Amino acid sequence: MKIDDFKDLTHAEDKLIKNCSNGSDTIISKERPEEGSPNNTIRAGLIRALLLGTGERTPRPEGW
């Protein structure tokens, strides 16, 4: 699955994609959440797509 195929991104997913694109660290929260929410949930498939790279969004050899 391609990164662009993921629809209805959560706030955390959107933040992660943007930060991966420019090489910034991503801090979702400084505290461990009690439960999942759109502000702190990232789907495993999206993490997989980011790690493997898809299309134009492929990690550089030295990493994102």
PDB file of N, CA and C in Angstrom:
ATOM      1  N   MET A   1       0.835  -1.171   0.000  1.00  0.00           N
ATOM      2  CA  MET A   1       0.000   0.000   0.000  1.00  0.00           C
ATOM      3  C   MET A   1       0.886   1.243   0.000  1.00  0.00           C
ATOM      4  N   LYS A   2       0.513   2.239  -0.768  1.00  0.00           N
ATOM      5  CA  LYS A   2       1.280   3.474  -0.863  1.00  0.00           C
ATOM      6  C   LYS A   2       0.848   4.459   0.218  1.00  0.00           C
ATOM      7  N   ILE A   3       1.753   5.326   0.579  1.00  0.00           N
ATOM      8  CA  ILE A   3       1.447   6.338   1.591  1.00  0.00           C
ATOM      9  C   ILE A   3       0.245   7.170   1.161  1.00  0.00           C
ATOM     10  N   ASP A   4       0.186   7.518  -0.106  1.00  0.00           N
ATOM     11  CA  ASP A   4      -0.919   8.345  -0.603  1.00  0.00           C
ATOM     12  C   ASP A   4      -2.262   7.620  -0.586  1.00  0.00           C
ATOM     13  N   ASP A   5      -2.243   6.292  -0.443  1.00  0.00           N
ATOM     14  CA  ASP A   5      -3.491   5.522  -0.388  1.00  0.00           C
ATOM     15  C   ASP A   5      -4.183   5.633   0.966  1.00  0.00           C
ATOM     16  N   PHE A   6      -3.472   6.092   1.981  1.00  0.00           N
ATOM     17  CA  PHE A   6      -4.059   6.224   3.311  1.00  0.00           C
ATOM     18  C   PHE A   6      -4.933   7.472   3.333  1.00  0.00           C
ATOM     19  N   LYS A   7      -6.197   7.273   3.586  1.00  0.00           N
ATOM     20  CA  LYS A   7      -7.168   8.375   3.628  1.00  0.00           C
ATOM     21  C   LYS A   7      -7.537   8.665   5.077  1.00  0.00           C
ATOM     22  N   ASP A   8      -8.099   9.819   5.298  1.00  0.00           N
ATOM     23  CA  ASP A   8      -8.546  10.218   6.639  1.00  0.00           C
ATOM     24  C   ASP A   8      -7.426  10.050   7.663  1.00  0.00           C
ATOM     25  N   LEU A   9      -6.300  10.702   7.396  1.00  0.00           N
ATOM     26  CA  LEU A   9      -5.161  10.614   8.304  1.00  0.00           C
ATOM     27  C   LEU A   9      -5.512  11.205   9.663  1.00  0.00           C
ATOM     28  N   THR A  10      -5.017  10.555  10.702  1.00  0.00           N
ATOM     29  CA  THR A  10      -5.164  11.131  12.037  1.00  0.00           C
ATOM     30  C   THR A  10      -4.166  12.279  12.164  1.00  0.00           C
ATOM     31  N   HIS A  11      -4.332  13.087  13.189  1.00  0.00           N
ATOM     32  CA  HIS A  11      -3.400  14.201  13.427  1.00  0.00           C
ATOM     33  C   HIS A  11      -1.972  13.664  13.568  1.00  0.00           C
ATOM     34  N   ALA A  12      -1.824  12.570  14.305  1.00  0.00           N
ATOM     35  CA  ALA A  12      -0.502  11.981  14.527  1.00  0.00           C
ATOM     36  C   ALA A  12       0.110  11.467  13.223  1.00  0.00           C
ATOM     37  N   GLU A  13      -0.690  10.841  12.374  1.00  0.00           N
ATOM     38  CA  GLU A  13      -0.195  10.320  11.094  1.00  0.00           C
ATOM     39  C   GLU A  13       0.249  11.453  10.181  1.00  0.00           C
ATOM     40  N   ASP A  14      -0.562  12.490  10.109  1.00  0.00           N
ATOM     41  CA  ASP A  14      -0.220  13.641   9.272  1.00  0.00           C
ATOM     42  C   ASP A  14       1.093  14.271   9.732  1.00  0.00           C
ATOM     43  N   LYS A  15       1.232  14.430  11.030  1.00  0.00           N
ATOM     44  CA  LYS A  15       2.447  15.011  11.610  1.00  0.00           C
ATOM     45  C   LYS A  15       3.660  14.135  11.303  1.00  0.00           C
ATOM     46  N   LEU A  16       3.515  12.809  11.423  1.00  0.00           N
ATOM     47  CA  LEU A  16       4.613  11.882  11.159  1.00  0.00           C
ATOM     48  C   LEU A  16       5.050  11.949   9.698  1.00  0.00           C
ATOM     49  N   ILE A  17       4.114  11.940   8.778  1.00  0.00           N
ATOM     50  CA  ILE A  17       4.445  12.001   7.346  1.00  0.00           C
ATOM     51  C   ILE A  17       5.183  13.287   7.017  1.00  0.00           C
ATOM     52  N   LYS A  18       4.677  14.407   7.501  1.00  0.00           N
ATOM     53  CA  LYS A  18       5.325  15.700   7.226  1.00  0.00           C
ATOM     54  C   LYS A  18       6.739  15.739   7.797  1.00  0.00           C
ATOM     55  N   ASN A  19       6.904  15.248   9.012  1.00  0.00           N
ATOM     56  CA  ASN A  19       8.226  15.275   9.624  1.00  0.00           C
ATOM     57  C   ASN A  19       9.194  14.298   8.965  1.00  0.00           C
ATOM     58  N   CYS A  20       8.711  13.155   8.510  1.00  0.00           N
ATOM     59  CA  CYS A  20       9.575  12.215   7.781  1.00  0.00           C
ATOM     60  C   CYS A  20      10.045  12.837   6.473  1.00  0.00           C
ATOM     61  N   SER A  21       9.179  13.606   5.846  1.00  0.00           N
ATOM     62  CA  SER A  21       9.521  14.224   4.563  1.00  0.00           C
ATOM     63  C   SER A  21      10.652  15.240   4.695  1.00  0.00           C
ATOM     64  N   ASN A  22      10.719  15.914   5.836  1.00  0.00           N
ATOM     65  CA  ASN A  22      11.774  16.928   5.978  1.00  0.00           C
ATOM     66  C   ASN A  22      12.867  16.528   6.964  1.00  0.00           C
ATOM     67  N   GLY A  23      12.814  15.296   7.454  1.00  0.00           N
ATOM     68  CA  GLY A  23      13.878  14.776   8.313  1.00  0.00           C
ATOM     69  C   GLY A  23      13.802  15.211   9.764  1.00  0.00           C
ATOM     70  N   SER A  24      12.655  15.713  10.195  1.00  0.00           N
ATOM     71  CA  SER A  24      12.500  16.155  11.582  1.00  0.00           C
ATOM     72  C   SER A  24      12.041  15.009  12.473  1.00  0.00           C
ATOM     73  N   ASP A  25      12.394  15.112  13.750  1.00  0.00           N
ATOM     74  CA  ASP A  25      11.871  14.166  14.731  1.00  0.00           C
ATOM     75  C   ASP A  25      10.384  14.421  14.915  1.00  0.00           C
ATOM     76  N   THR A  26       9.666  13.385  15.323  1.00  0.00           N
ATOM     77  CA  THR A  26       8.230  13.525  15.572  1.00  0.00           C
ATOM     78  C   THR A  26       7.938  13.164  17.015  1.00  0.00           C
ATOM     79  N   ILE A  27       7.434  14.121  17.746  1.00  0.00           N
ATOM     80  CA  ILE A  27       7.010  13.887  19.121  1.00  0.00           C
ATOM     81  C   ILE A  27       5.497  14.031  19.137  1.00  0.00           C
ATOM     82  N   ILE A  28       4.829  12.932  19.369  1.00  0.00           N
ATOM     83  CA  ILE A  28       3.365  12.938  19.389  1.00  0.00           C
ATOM     84  C   ILE A  28       2.871  13.478  20.724  1.00  0.00           C
ATOM     85  N   SER A  29       3.505  13.062  21.808  1.00  0.00           N
ATOM     86  CA  SER A  29       3.119  13.520  23.141  1.00  0.00           C
ATOM     87  C   SER A  29       4.289  13.300  24.074  1.00  0.00           C
ATOM     88  N   LYS A  30       4.399  14.134  25.074  1.00  0.00           N
ATOM     89  CA  LYS A  30       5.465  13.956  26.061  1.00  0.00           C
ATOM     90  C   LYS A  30       5.040  13.019  27.180  1.00  0.00           C
ATOM     91  N   GLU A  31       3.757  12.671  27.193  1.00  0.00           N
ATOM     92  CA  GLU A  31       3.230  11.762  28.201  1.00  0.00           C
ATOM     93  C   GLU A  31       2.608  10.547  27.515  1.00  0.00           C
ATOM     94  N   ARG A  32       2.639   9.423  28.192  1.00  0.00           N
ATOM     95  CA  ARG A  32       2.009   8.214  27.657  1.00  0.00           C
ATOM     96  C   ARG A  32       0.492   8.362  27.756  1.00  0.00           C
ATOM     97  N   PRO A  33      -0.205   8.203  26.636  1.00  0.00           N
ATOM     98  CA  PRO A  33      -1.665   8.366  26.678  1.00  0.00           C
ATOM     99  C   PRO A  33      -2.350   7.201  27.400  1.00  0.00           C
ATOM    100  N   GLU A  34      -3.480   7.507  27.980  1.00  0.00           N
ATOM    101  CA  GLU A  34      -4.280   6.484  28.657  1.00  0.00           C
ATOM    102  C   GLU A  34      -4.991   5.594  27.638  1.00  0.00           C
ATOM    103  N   GLU A  35      -5.389   6.185  26.493  1.00  0.00           N
ATOM    104  CA  GLU A  35      -6.088   5.427  25.454  1.00  0.00           C
ATOM    105  C   GLU A  35      -5.826   6.076  24.105  1.00  0.00           C
ATOM    106  N   GLY A  36      -6.094   5.315  23.044  1.00  0.00           N
ATOM    107  CA  GLY A  36      -5.879   5.813  21.698  1.00  0.00           C
ATOM    108  C   GLY A  36      -6.890   6.873  21.303  1.00  0.00           C
ATOM    109  N   SER A  37      -6.423   7.804  20.483  1.00  0.00           N
ATOM    110  CA  SER A  37      -7.288   8.853  19.947  1.00  0.00           C
ATOM    111  C   SER A  37      -6.688   9.308  18.623  1.00  0.00           C
ATOM    112  N   PRO A  38      -7.409  10.105  17.832  1.00  0.00           N
ATOM    113  CA  PRO A  38      -6.843  10.607  16.585  1.00  0.00           C
ATOM    114  C   PRO A  38      -5.569  11.438  16.794  1.00  0.00           C
ATOM    115  N   ASN A  39      -5.389  11.946  18.002  1.00  0.00           N
ATOM    116  CA  ASN A  39      -4.187  12.732  18.278  1.00  0.00           C
ATOM    117  C   ASN A  39      -2.958  11.887  18.559  1.00  0.00           C
ATOM    118  N   ASN A  40      -3.147  10.578  18.809  1.00  0.00           N
ATOM    119  CA  ASN A  40      -1.979   9.766  19.156  1.00  0.00           C
ATOM    120  C   ASN A  40      -1.938   8.396  18.479  1.00  0.00           C
ATOM    121  N   THR A  41      -2.807   8.146  17.512  1.00  0.00           N
ATOM    122  CA  THR A  41      -2.866   6.840  16.856  1.00  0.00           C
ATOM    123  C   THR A  41      -2.228   6.893  15.473  1.00  0.00           C
ATOM    124  N   ILE A  42      -1.342   5.918  15.220  1.00  0.00           N
ATOM    125  CA  ILE A  42      -0.705   5.774  13.902  1.00  0.00           C
ATOM    126  C   ILE A  42      -0.867   4.319  13.483  1.00  0.00           C
ATOM    127  N   ARG A  43      -1.455   4.100  12.309  1.00  0.00           N
ATOM    128  CA  ARG A  43      -1.678   2.731  11.823  1.00  0.00           C
ATOM    129  C   ARG A  43      -0.349   2.062  11.457  1.00  0.00           C
ATOM    130  N   ALA A  44      -0.252   0.777  11.776  1.00  0.00           N
ATOM    131  CA  ALA A  44       0.956   0.003  11.495  1.00  0.00           C
ATOM    132  C   ALA A  44       1.280  -0.010  10.000  1.00  0.00           C
ATOM    133  N   GLY A  45       0.258  -0.099   9.154  1.00  0.00           N
ATOM    134  CA  GLY A  45       0.487  -0.107   7.714  1.00  0.00           C
ATOM    135  C   GLY A  45       1.137   1.167   7.216  1.00  0.00           C
ATOM    136  N   LEU A  46       0.808   2.282   7.834  1.00  0.00           N
ATOM    137  CA  LEU A  46       1.422   3.553   7.448  1.00  0.00           C
ATOM    138  C   LEU A  46       2.890   3.580   7.862  1.00  0.00           C
ATOM    139  N   ILE A  47       3.182   3.079   9.045  1.00  0.00           N
ATOM    140  CA  ILE A  47       4.579   3.008   9.479  1.00  0.00           C
ATOM    141  C   ILE A  47       5.368   2.115   8.530  1.00  0.00           C
ATOM    142  N   ARG A  48       4.784   1.006   8.125  1.00  0.00           N
ATOM    143  CA  ARG A  48       5.439   0.100   7.170  1.00  0.00           C
ATOM    144  C   ARG A  48       5.723   0.810   5.856  1.00  0.00           C
ATOM    145  N   ALA A  49       4.737   1.538   5.342  1.00  0.00           N
ATOM    146  CA  ALA A  49       4.911   2.262   4.082  1.00  0.00           C
ATOM    147  C   ALA A  49       6.007   3.316   4.199  1.00  0.00           C
ATOM    148  N   LEU A  50       6.064   3.997   5.335  1.00  0.00           N
ATOM    149  CA  LEU A  50       7.116   4.994   5.533  1.00  0.00           C
ATOM    150  C   LEU A  50       8.496   4.349   5.598  1.00  0.00           C
ATOM    151  N   LEU A  51       8.592   3.211   6.272  1.00  0.00           N
ATOM    152  CA  LEU A  51       9.885   2.540   6.397  1.00  0.00           C
ATOM    153  C   LEU A  51      10.382   1.987   5.071  1.00  0.00           C
ATOM    154  N   LEU A  52       9.474   1.412   4.295  1.00  0.00           N
ATOM    155  CA  LEU A  52       9.866   0.804   3.019  1.00  0.00           C
ATOM    156  C   LEU A  52       9.947   1.813   1.892  1.00  0.00           C
ATOM    157  N   GLY A  53       9.191   2.897   2.019  1.00  0.00           N
ATOM    158  CA  GLY A  53       9.164   3.903   0.966  1.00  0.00           C
ATOM    159  C   GLY A  53       8.263   3.474  -0.171  1.00  0.00           C
ATOM    160  N   THR A  54       7.552   4.434  -0.732  1.00  0.00           N
ATOM    161  CA  THR A  54       6.676   4.151  -1.858  1.00  0.00           C
ATOM    162  C   THR A  54       6.723   5.323  -2.822  1.00  0.00           C
ATOM    163  N   GLY A  55       6.892   5.032  -4.087  1.00  0.00           N
ATOM    164  CA  GLY A  55       6.885   6.076  -5.105  1.00  0.00           C
ATOM    165  C   GLY A  55       7.959   7.118  -4.849  1.00  0.00           C
ATOM    166  N   GLU A  56       7.567   8.376  -4.883  1.00  0.00           N
ATOM    167  CA  GLU A  56       8.508   9.464  -4.659  1.00  0.00           C
ATOM    168  C   GLU A  56       8.911   9.589  -3.196  1.00  0.00           C
ATOM    169  N   ARG A  57       8.194   8.901  -2.336  1.00  0.00           N
ATOM    170  CA  ARG A  57       8.477   8.982  -0.906  1.00  0.00           C
ATOM    171  C   ARG A  57       9.304   7.779  -0.474  1.00  0.00           C
ATOM    172  N   THR A  58      10.500   7.698  -1.013  1.00  0.00           N
ATOM    173  CA  THR A  58      11.407   6.602  -0.695  1.00  0.00           C
ATOM    174  C   THR A  58      12.543   7.156   0.148  1.00  0.00           C
ATOM    175  N   PRO A  59      12.863   6.517   1.264  1.00  0.00           N
ATOM    176  CA  PRO A  59      13.940   7.026   2.117  1.00  0.00           C
ATOM    177  C   PRO A  59      15.261   7.104   1.365  1.00  0.00           C
ATOM    178  N   ARG A  60      16.022   8.135   1.683  1.00  0.00           N
ATOM    179  CA  ARG A  60      17.383   8.235   1.137  1.00  0.00           C
ATOM    180  C   ARG A  60      18.217   7.124   1.762  1.00  0.00           C
ATOM    181  N   PRO A  61      19.334   6.737   1.136  1.00  0.00           N
ATOM    182  CA  PRO A  61      20.153   5.652   1.713  1.00  0.00           C
ATOM    183  C   PRO A  61      20.561   5.919   3.153  1.00  0.00           C
ATOM    184  N   GLU A  62      20.762   7.182   3.498  1.00  0.00           N
ATOM    185  CA  GLU A  62      21.161   7.520   4.869  1.00  0.00           C
ATOM    186  C   GLU A  62      19.953   7.661   5.794  1.00  0.00           C
ATOM    187  N   GLY A  63      18.760   7.418   5.265  1.00  0.00           N
ATOM    188  CA  GLY A  63      17.539   7.518   6.051  1.00  0.00           C
ATOM    189  C   GLY A  63      16.768   8.772   5.686  1.00  0.00           C
ATOM    190  N   TRP A  64      15.599   8.923   6.268  1.00  0.00           N
ATOM    191  CA  TRP A  64      14.765  10.075   5.965  1.00  0.00           C
ATOM    192  C   TRP A  64      15.518  11.314   6.325  1.00  0.00           C
TER     193      TRP A  64
END
